[in-house]
């Protein structure tokens, strides 16, 4: 009894001129994105690894066959992105995501799953997942999702994101100290990011370069101790840094 969730959201519908920018490129280096694969099926891991090995800016640094192995590998290697199955023996993907975010807040977790029930998805977001994809996505959709997360963009169906935003904003707990962490320009970027706008559009509206937007997002993630736009927006709503009204686009 699964809800029909279409994973081809705004962040995966990048126009051809949206160039790929990895974490390394944001820092002025050519360091590839370091990826951890966690799935209890060896064939799935092998297929995903082969898919990613052809990408010059992606490096698979470890594989895990269980949630426990995924958490251990994340603690040791601190990958940029962890791609995790939701259903694994022992510790499942939700608990593994929660623990990885405790030990490695800068790691963005992408969940690949055959299940799209809304309670699972909300639990994953509450655990700190950056995004969600069904296992029936095409290989290039996964590659696009990895690059979207590396740019600080969200990989989440807009309907689910809106439900989660409403849920958190209704229980917002304003914390002035959290607001003080961000500069005015960083707050501007965060508010536009909360509307689901791609980085190129954020840059256009604020009259900034795309690289400057990437830099602001990196600073936001570091100050808020998160690894993705999804986490930053949801945390900002939870702590009252932004309001639900900030998530609506007026243009």
C-alpha atoms as a PDB file:
ATOM      1  CA  UNK A   1       0.000   0.000   0.000  1.00  0.00           C
ATOM      2  CA  UNK A   2       2.431   2.560  -1.280  1.00  0.00           C
ATOM      3  CA  UNK A   3       1.738   6.177  -2.144  1.00  0.00           C
ATOM      4  CA  UNK A   4       2.614   7.214  -5.674  1.00  0.00           C
ATOM      5  CA  UNK A   5       5.719   9.318  -5.249  1.00  0.00           C
ATOM      6  CA  UNK A   6       7.417  10.640  -8.350  1.00  0.00           C
ATOM      7  CA  UNK A   7      11.104  11.135  -7.658  1.00  0.00           C
ATOM      8  CA  UNK A   8      11.706  13.309 -10.707  1.00  0.00           C
ATOM      9  CA  UNK A   9      11.439  16.562  -8.776  1.00  0.00           C
ATOM     10  CA  UNK A  10      12.674  20.036  -9.565  1.00  0.00           C
ATOM     11  CA  UNK A  11      16.251  19.347  -8.505  1.00  0.00           C
ATOM     12  CA  UNK A  12      16.509  16.485 -11.014  1.00  0.00           C
ATOM     13  CA  UNK A  13      15.127  18.516 -13.875  1.00  0.00           C
ATOM     14  CA  UNK A  14      18.292  20.543 -14.365  1.00  0.00           C
ATOM     15  CA  UNK A  15      18.625  22.361 -17.641  1.00  0.00           C
ATOM     16  CA  UNK A  16      21.611  21.436 -19.841  1.00  0.00           C
ATOM     17  CA  UNK A  17      23.527  24.591 -18.963  1.00  0.00           C
ATOM     18  CA  UNK A  18      23.502  23.841 -15.235  1.00  0.00           C
ATOM     19  CA  UNK A  19      27.111  22.681 -14.940  1.00  0.00           C
ATOM     20  CA  UNK A  20      28.130  20.141 -12.324  1.00  0.00           C
ATOM     21  CA  UNK A  21      29.921  21.510  -9.289  1.00  0.00           C
ATOM     22  CA  UNK A  22      31.322  19.044  -6.793  1.00  0.00           C
ATOM     23  CA  UNK A  23      32.373  19.810  -3.238  1.00  0.00           C
ATOM     24  CA  UNK A  24      35.953  19.820  -4.445  1.00  0.00           C
ATOM     25  CA  UNK A  25      35.228  22.385  -7.140  1.00  0.00           C
ATOM     26  CA  UNK A  26      33.519  24.609  -4.594  1.00  0.00           C
ATOM     27  CA  UNK A  27      36.764  24.591  -2.635  1.00  0.00           C
ATOM     28  CA  UNK A  28      38.856  25.296  -5.710  1.00  0.00           C
ATOM     29  CA  UNK A  29      40.214  21.745  -6.035  1.00  0.00           C
ATOM     30  CA  UNK A  30      39.433  18.790  -8.278  1.00  0.00           C
ATOM     31  CA  UNK A  31      38.657  16.363  -5.452  1.00  0.00           C
ATOM     32  CA  UNK A  32      35.927  13.935  -6.515  1.00  0.00           C
ATOM     33  CA  UNK A  33      32.783  13.367  -4.476  1.00  0.00           C
ATOM     34  CA  UNK A  34      33.439  10.523  -2.056  1.00  0.00           C
ATOM     35  CA  UNK A  35      30.500   8.101  -1.913  1.00  0.00           C
ATOM     36  CA  UNK A  36      29.580   5.262   0.467  1.00  0.00           C
ATOM     37  CA  UNK A  37      27.239   2.544  -0.859  1.00  0.00           C
ATOM     38  CA  UNK A  38      25.107   0.590   1.639  1.00  0.00           C
ATOM     39  CA  UNK A  39      22.816  -2.216   0.463  1.00  0.00           C
ATOM     40  CA  UNK A  40      22.486  -5.825   1.629  1.00  0.00           C
ATOM     41  CA  UNK A  41      22.379  -7.074  -1.988  1.00  0.00           C
ATOM     42  CA  UNK A  42      25.876  -7.451  -3.427  1.00  0.00           C
ATOM     43  CA  UNK A  43      24.518  -7.287  -6.975  1.00  0.00           C
ATOM     44  CA  UNK A  44      22.886  -3.921  -6.318  1.00  0.00           C
ATOM     45  CA  UNK A  45      26.097  -2.542  -4.834  1.00  0.00           C
ATOM     46  CA  UNK A  46      28.150  -3.850  -7.753  1.00  0.00           C
ATOM     47  CA  UNK A  47      25.775  -2.365 -10.322  1.00  0.00           C
ATOM     48  CA  UNK A  48      25.713   1.002  -8.559  1.00  0.00           C
ATOM     49  CA  UNK A  49      29.484   1.041  -8.193  1.00  0.00           C
ATOM     50  CA  UNK A  50      29.962   0.323 -11.908  1.00  0.00           C
ATOM     51  CA  UNK A  51      27.501   3.080 -12.772  1.00  0.00           C
ATOM     52  CA  UNK A  52      29.376   5.605 -10.641  1.00  0.00           C
ATOM     53  CA  UNK A  53      32.882   4.503 -11.650  1.00  0.00           C
ATOM     54  CA  UNK A  54      32.424   6.034 -15.102  1.00  0.00           C
ATOM     55  CA  UNK A  55      31.840   9.451 -13.509  1.00  0.00           C
ATOM     56  CA  UNK A  56      35.145  11.316 -13.314  1.00  0.00           C
ATOM     57  CA  UNK A  57      34.046  13.410 -10.336  1.00  0.00           C
ATOM     58  CA  UNK A  58      32.617  10.562  -8.212  1.00  0.00           C
ATOM     59  CA  UNK A  59      34.616   8.026  -6.198  1.00  0.00           C
ATOM     60  CA  UNK A  60      33.074   5.076  -4.332  1.00  0.00           C
ATOM     61  CA  UNK A  61      35.211   4.866  -1.182  1.00  0.00           C
ATOM     62  CA  UNK A  62      33.418   2.006   0.608  1.00  0.00           C
ATOM     63  CA  UNK A  63      30.591  -0.511   0.467  1.00  0.00           C
ATOM     64  CA  UNK A  64      28.457  -1.810   3.321  1.00  0.00           C
ATOM     65  CA  UNK A  65      26.075  -4.775   3.526  1.00  0.00           C
ATOM     66  CA  UNK A  66      24.263  -3.636   6.685  1.00  0.00           C
ATOM     67  CA  UNK A  67      23.350  -0.534   8.627  1.00  0.00           C
ATOM     68  CA  UNK A  68      26.053  -1.266  11.197  1.00  0.00           C
ATOM     69  CA  UNK A  69      28.705  -1.522   8.485  1.00  0.00           C
ATOM     70  CA  UNK A  70      27.455   1.710   6.918  1.00  0.00           C
ATOM     71  CA  UNK A  71      27.734   3.621  10.199  1.00  0.00           C
ATOM     72  CA  UNK A  72      31.213   2.197  10.854  1.00  0.00           C
ATOM     73  CA  UNK A  73      32.414   3.105   7.351  1.00  0.00           C
ATOM     74  CA  UNK A  74      30.960   6.610   7.627  1.00  0.00           C
ATOM     75  CA  UNK A  75      32.719   7.183  10.956  1.00  0.00           C
ATOM     76  CA  UNK A  76      36.041   6.078   9.488  1.00  0.00           C
ATOM     77  CA  UNK A  77      35.854   7.783   6.111  1.00  0.00           C
ATOM     78  CA  UNK A  78      33.459  10.747   6.469  1.00  0.00           C
ATOM     79  CA  UNK A  79      32.182  10.472   2.862  1.00  0.00           C
ATOM     80  CA  UNK A  80      30.495  13.392   1.137  1.00  0.00           C
ATOM     81  CA  UNK A  81      27.441  11.284   0.297  1.00  0.00           C
ATOM     82  CA  UNK A  82      26.082   7.992   1.647  1.00  0.00           C
ATOM     83  CA  UNK A  83      23.648   6.084  -0.568  1.00  0.00           C
ATOM     84  CA  UNK A  84      21.664   3.807   1.732  1.00  0.00           C
ATOM     85  CA  UNK A  85      18.947   1.193   1.314  1.00  0.00           C
ATOM     86  CA  UNK A  86      16.052   1.556   3.758  1.00  0.00           C
ATOM     87  CA  UNK A  87      15.604  -2.200   4.349  1.00  0.00           C
ATOM     88  CA  UNK A  88      18.757  -3.956   5.545  1.00  0.00           C
ATOM     89  CA  UNK A  89      19.352  -6.756   8.064  1.00  0.00           C
ATOM     90  CA  UNK A  90      20.000  -5.650  11.620  1.00  0.00           C
ATOM     91  CA  UNK A  91      20.079  -1.871  11.712  1.00  0.00           C
ATOM     92  CA  UNK A  92      17.796  -0.506   8.978  1.00  0.00           C
ATOM     93  CA  UNK A  93      18.309   2.552   6.815  1.00  0.00           C
ATOM     94  CA  UNK A  94      16.390   4.955   9.060  1.00  0.00           C
ATOM     95  CA  UNK A  95      18.464   4.212  12.176  1.00  0.00           C
ATOM     96  CA  UNK A  96      21.665   4.091  10.112  1.00  0.00           C
ATOM     97  CA  UNK A  97      20.849   7.530   8.715  1.00  0.00           C
ATOM     98  CA  UNK A  98      20.224   8.883  12.207  1.00  0.00           C
ATOM     99  CA  UNK A  99      23.550   7.563  13.510  1.00  0.00           C
ATOM    100  CA  UNK A 100      25.527   8.713  10.480  1.00  0.00           C
ATOM    101  CA  UNK A 101      24.164  12.229  10.936  1.00  0.00           C
ATOM    102  CA  UNK A 102      25.218  12.184  14.596  1.00  0.00           C
ATOM    103  CA  UNK A 103      28.781  11.105  13.818  1.00  0.00           C
ATOM    104  CA  UNK A 104      29.158  12.763  10.404  1.00  0.00           C
ATOM    105  CA  UNK A 105      26.828  15.787  10.132  1.00  0.00           C
ATOM    106  CA  UNK A 106      28.524  16.888   6.917  1.00  0.00           C
ATOM    107  CA  UNK A 107      27.661  13.656   5.108  1.00  0.00           C
ATOM    108  CA  UNK A 108      24.546  13.907   2.929  1.00  0.00           C
ATOM    109  CA  UNK A 109      22.433  10.731   2.988  1.00  0.00           C
ATOM    110  CA  UNK A 110      20.534   9.691  -0.137  1.00  0.00           C
ATOM    111  CA  UNK A 111      18.084   6.849   0.426  1.00  0.00           C
ATOM    112  CA  UNK A 112      17.366   4.284  -2.290  1.00  0.00           C
ATOM    113  CA  UNK A 113      14.368   2.124  -1.539  1.00  0.00           C
ATOM    114  CA  UNK A 114      11.629  -0.033  -3.012  1.00  0.00           C
ATOM    115  CA  UNK A 115       9.221   1.468  -0.467  1.00  0.00           C
ATOM    116  CA  UNK A 116       7.605   4.876  -0.782  1.00  0.00           C
ATOM    117  CA  UNK A 117       5.108   4.866   2.091  1.00  0.00           C
ATOM    118  CA  UNK A 118       4.827   8.350   3.511  1.00  0.00           C
ATOM    119  CA  UNK A 119       5.572   7.324   7.149  1.00  0.00           C
ATOM    120  CA  UNK A 120       8.900   5.850   5.972  1.00  0.00           C
ATOM    121  CA  UNK A 121       9.770   9.028   4.097  1.00  0.00           C
ATOM    122  CA  UNK A 122       8.908  11.353   6.973  1.00  0.00           C
ATOM    123  CA  UNK A 123      10.913   9.152   9.368  1.00  0.00           C
ATOM    124  CA  UNK A 124      13.889   9.369   6.987  1.00  0.00           C
ATOM    125  CA  UNK A 125      13.675  13.159   6.816  1.00  0.00           C
ATOM    126  CA  UNK A 126      13.417  13.393  10.577  1.00  0.00           C
ATOM    127  CA  UNK A 127      16.510  11.173  10.796  1.00  0.00           C
ATOM    128  CA  UNK A 128      18.411  13.636   8.593  1.00  0.00           C
ATOM    129  CA  UNK A 129      18.204  12.235   5.055  1.00  0.00           C
ATOM    130  CA  UNK A 130      18.981  14.696   2.264  1.00  0.00           C
ATOM    131  CA  UNK A 131      16.764  12.986  -0.273  1.00  0.00           C
ATOM    132  CA  UNK A 132      14.948   9.890  -1.443  1.00  0.00           C
ATOM    133  CA  UNK A 133      14.857   7.879  -4.660  1.00  0.00           C
ATOM    134  CA  UNK A 134      12.964   4.741  -5.590  1.00  0.00           C
ATOM    135  CA  UNK A 135      15.069   1.800  -6.698  1.00  0.00           C
ATOM    136  CA  UNK A 136      13.364   1.781 -10.081  1.00  0.00           C
ATOM    137  CA  UNK A 137      14.996   5.078 -11.122  1.00  0.00           C
ATOM    138  CA  UNK A 138      17.297   5.030 -14.124  1.00  0.00           C
ATOM    139  CA  UNK A 139      21.023   5.110 -13.495  1.00  0.00           C
ATOM    140  CA  UNK A 140      21.469   8.662 -14.744  1.00  0.00           C
ATOM    141  CA  UNK A 141      18.742   9.859 -12.381  1.00  0.00           C
ATOM    142  CA  UNK A 142      20.866   8.614  -9.483  1.00  0.00           C
ATOM    143  CA  UNK A 143      23.933  10.329 -10.934  1.00  0.00           C
ATOM    144  CA  UNK A 144      21.951  13.562 -11.315  1.00  0.00           C
ATOM    145  CA  UNK A 145      20.715  13.244  -7.731  1.00  0.00           C
ATOM    146  CA  UNK A 146      24.263  12.860  -6.423  1.00  0.00           C
ATOM    147  CA  UNK A 147      25.350  15.986  -8.268  1.00  0.00           C
ATOM    148  CA  UNK A 148      22.236  17.861  -7.136  1.00  0.00           C
ATOM    149  CA  UNK A 149      23.024  17.092  -3.499  1.00  0.00           C
ATOM    150  CA  UNK A 150      26.657  18.097  -4.050  1.00  0.00           C
ATOM    151  CA  UNK A 151      25.401  21.487  -5.299  1.00  0.00           C
ATOM    152  CA  UNK A 152      23.342  21.878  -2.152  1.00  0.00           C
ATOM    153  CA  UNK A 153      20.048  21.204  -3.934  1.00  0.00           C
ATOM    154  CA  UNK A 154      17.225  19.019  -2.665  1.00  0.00           C
ATOM    155  CA  UNK A 155      16.268  15.587  -3.985  1.00  0.00           C
ATOM    156  CA  UNK A 156      12.751  15.311  -2.685  1.00  0.00           C
ATOM    157  CA  UNK A 157       9.267  15.299  -4.138  1.00  0.00           C
ATOM    158  CA  UNK A 158       7.720  18.788  -3.631  1.00  0.00           C
ATOM    159  CA  UNK A 159       4.483  17.417  -2.124  1.00  0.00           C
ATOM    160  CA  UNK A 160       6.336  15.489   0.564  1.00  0.00           C
ATOM    161  CA  UNK A 161       8.614  18.442   1.231  1.00  0.00           C
ATOM    162  CA  UNK A 162       5.609  20.723   1.743  1.00  0.00           C
ATOM    163  CA  UNK A 163       3.984  18.291   4.180  1.00  0.00           C
ATOM    164  CA  UNK A 164       7.191  18.080   6.170  1.00  0.00           C
ATOM    165  CA  UNK A 165       7.597  21.855   6.187  1.00  0.00           C
ATOM    166  CA  UNK A 166       4.066  22.353   7.497  1.00  0.00           C
ATOM    167  CA  UNK A 167       4.622  19.741  10.174  1.00  0.00           C
ATOM    168  CA  UNK A 168       7.812  21.389  11.420  1.00  0.00           C
ATOM    169  CA  UNK A 169       6.636  24.997  11.157  1.00  0.00           C
ATOM    170  CA  UNK A 170       3.600  24.235  13.334  1.00  0.00           C
ATOM    171  CA  UNK A 171       5.994  23.183  16.102  1.00  0.00           C
ATOM    172  CA  UNK A 172       8.643  25.837  15.516  1.00  0.00           C
ATOM    173  CA  UNK A 173      10.795  26.718  18.503  1.00  0.00           C
ATOM    174  CA  UNK A 174      12.533  30.047  17.779  1.00  0.00           C
ATOM    175  CA  UNK A 175      16.176  30.113  18.851  1.00  0.00           C
ATOM    176  CA  UNK A 176      17.817  33.542  18.423  1.00  0.00           C
ATOM    177  CA  UNK A 177      21.298  32.039  18.713  1.00  0.00           C
ATOM    178  CA  UNK A 178      20.696  29.920  15.617  1.00  0.00           C
ATOM    179  CA  UNK A 179      19.565  32.988  13.683  1.00  0.00           C
ATOM    180  CA  UNK A 180      22.685  34.867  14.775  1.00  0.00           C
ATOM    181  CA  UNK A 181      24.873  32.205  13.183  1.00  0.00           C
ATOM    182  CA  UNK A 182      23.819  33.223   9.670  1.00  0.00           C
ATOM    183  CA  UNK A 183      24.598  36.485   7.900  1.00  0.00           C
ATOM    184  CA  UNK A 184      21.851  38.473   6.209  1.00  0.00           C
ATOM    185  CA  UNK A 185      22.997  37.274   2.789  1.00  0.00           C
ATOM    186  CA  UNK A 186      23.069  33.657   3.977  1.00  0.00           C
ATOM    187  CA  UNK A 187      19.508  34.070   5.245  1.00  0.00           C
ATOM    188  CA  UNK A 188      18.518  35.435   1.821  1.00  0.00           C
ATOM    189  CA  UNK A 189      20.022  32.362   0.153  1.00  0.00           C
ATOM    190  CA  UNK A 190      18.388  30.006   2.660  1.00  0.00           C
ATOM    191  CA  UNK A 191      14.938  31.544   2.132  1.00  0.00           C
ATOM    192  CA  UNK A 192      15.206  31.146  -1.636  1.00  0.00           C
ATOM    193  CA  UNK A 193      16.542  27.616  -1.212  1.00  0.00           C
ATOM    194  CA  UNK A 194      13.487  26.869   0.937  1.00  0.00           C
ATOM    195  CA  UNK A 195      11.307  27.722  -2.074  1.00  0.00           C
ATOM    196  CA  UNK A 196      12.899  24.881  -4.021  1.00  0.00           C
ATOM    197  CA  UNK A 197      14.734  27.178  -6.438  1.00  0.00           C
ATOM    198  CA  UNK A 198      17.817  25.796  -8.210  1.00  0.00           C
ATOM    199  CA  UNK A 199      21.120  27.509  -7.454  1.00  0.00           C
ATOM    200  CA  UNK A 200      21.180  29.212 -10.860  1.00  0.00           C
ATOM    201  CA  UNK A 201      17.849  30.928 -10.123  1.00  0.00           C
ATOM    202  CA  UNK A 202      18.974  31.910  -6.613  1.00  0.00           C
ATOM    203  CA  UNK A 203      22.056  33.493  -8.179  1.00  0.00           C
ATOM    204  CA  UNK A 204      19.934  35.401 -10.712  1.00  0.00           C
ATOM    205  CA  UNK A 205      17.541  36.791  -8.132  1.00  0.00           C
ATOM    206  CA  UNK A 206      20.268  37.884  -5.733  1.00  0.00           C
ATOM    207  CA  UNK A 207      22.542  39.103  -8.563  1.00  0.00           C
ATOM    208  CA  UNK A 208      25.321  36.762  -7.463  1.00  0.00           C
ATOM    209  CA  UNK A 209      27.500  34.268  -9.292  1.00  0.00           C
ATOM    210  CA  UNK A 210      26.584  30.593  -9.011  1.00  0.00           C
ATOM    211  CA  UNK A 211      29.936  29.993  -7.303  1.00  0.00           C
ATOM    212  CA  UNK A 212      29.051  32.597  -4.658  1.00  0.00           C
ATOM    213  CA  UNK A 213      25.713  30.855  -4.049  1.00  0.00           C
ATOM    214  CA  UNK A 214      27.586  27.556  -3.629  1.00  0.00           C
ATOM    215  CA  UNK A 215      29.896  29.266  -1.142  1.00  0.00           C
ATOM    216  CA  UNK A 216      26.979  30.675   0.858  1.00  0.00           C
ATOM    217  CA  UNK A 217      25.292  27.254   0.954  1.00  0.00           C
ATOM    218  CA  UNK A 218      28.524  25.623   2.136  1.00  0.00           C
ATOM    219  CA  UNK A 219      28.768  28.213   4.932  1.00  0.00           C
ATOM    220  CA  UNK A 220      25.118  27.652   5.871  1.00  0.00           C
ATOM    221  CA  UNK A 221      25.629  23.882   6.051  1.00  0.00           C
ATOM    222  CA  UNK A 222      28.775  24.288   8.158  1.00  0.00           C
ATOM    223  CA  UNK A 223      27.168  26.735  10.600  1.00  0.00           C
ATOM    224  CA  UNK A 224      24.022  24.634  10.953  1.00  0.00           C
ATOM    225  CA  UNK A 225      26.040  21.391  11.043  1.00  0.00           C
ATOM    226  CA  UNK A 226      24.075  19.715   8.258  1.00  0.00           C
ATOM    227  CA  UNK A 227      25.040  18.067   4.983  1.00  0.00           C
ATOM    228  CA  UNK A 228      22.272  19.103   2.603  1.00  0.00           C
ATOM    229  CA  UNK A 229      19.737  21.744   1.644  1.00  0.00           C
ATOM    230  CA  UNK A 230      16.868  19.516   2.803  1.00  0.00           C
ATOM    231  CA  UNK A 231      18.317  19.300   6.310  1.00  0.00           C
ATOM    232  CA  UNK A 232      19.116  23.025   6.437  1.00  0.00           C
ATOM    233  CA  UNK A 233      15.585  24.064   5.429  1.00  0.00           C
ATOM    234  CA  UNK A 234      13.864  21.625   7.778  1.00  0.00           C
ATOM    235  CA  UNK A 235      16.129  22.612  10.679  1.00  0.00           C
ATOM    236  CA  UNK A 236      15.536  26.298   9.930  1.00  0.00           C
ATOM    237  CA  UNK A 237      11.773  25.729  10.048  1.00  0.00           C
ATOM    238  CA  UNK A 238      12.034  23.688  13.239  1.00  0.00           C
ATOM    239  CA  UNK A 239      14.070  26.400  14.977  1.00  0.00           C
ATOM    240  CA  UNK A 240      12.050  29.308  13.650  1.00  0.00           C
ATOM    241  CA  UNK A 241      14.884  30.754  11.529  1.00  0.00           C
ATOM    242  CA  UNK A 242      12.476  30.844   8.579  1.00  0.00           C
ATOM    243  CA  UNK A 243       8.692  30.597   8.439  1.00  0.00           C
ATOM    244  CA  UNK A 244       6.362  28.554   6.264  1.00  0.00           C
ATOM    245  CA  UNK A 245       5.637  31.746   4.311  1.00  0.00           C
ATOM    246  CA  UNK A 246       9.316  31.848   3.323  1.00  0.00           C
ATOM    247  CA  UNK A 247       8.842  28.583   1.433  1.00  0.00           C
ATOM    248  CA  UNK A 248       6.312  30.073  -1.004  1.00  0.00           C
ATOM    249  CA  UNK A 249       7.635  31.676  -4.181  1.00  0.00           C
ATOM    250  CA  UNK A 250       6.034  35.033  -4.985  1.00  0.00           C
ATOM    251  CA  UNK A 251       7.578  35.435  -8.450  1.00  0.00           C
END
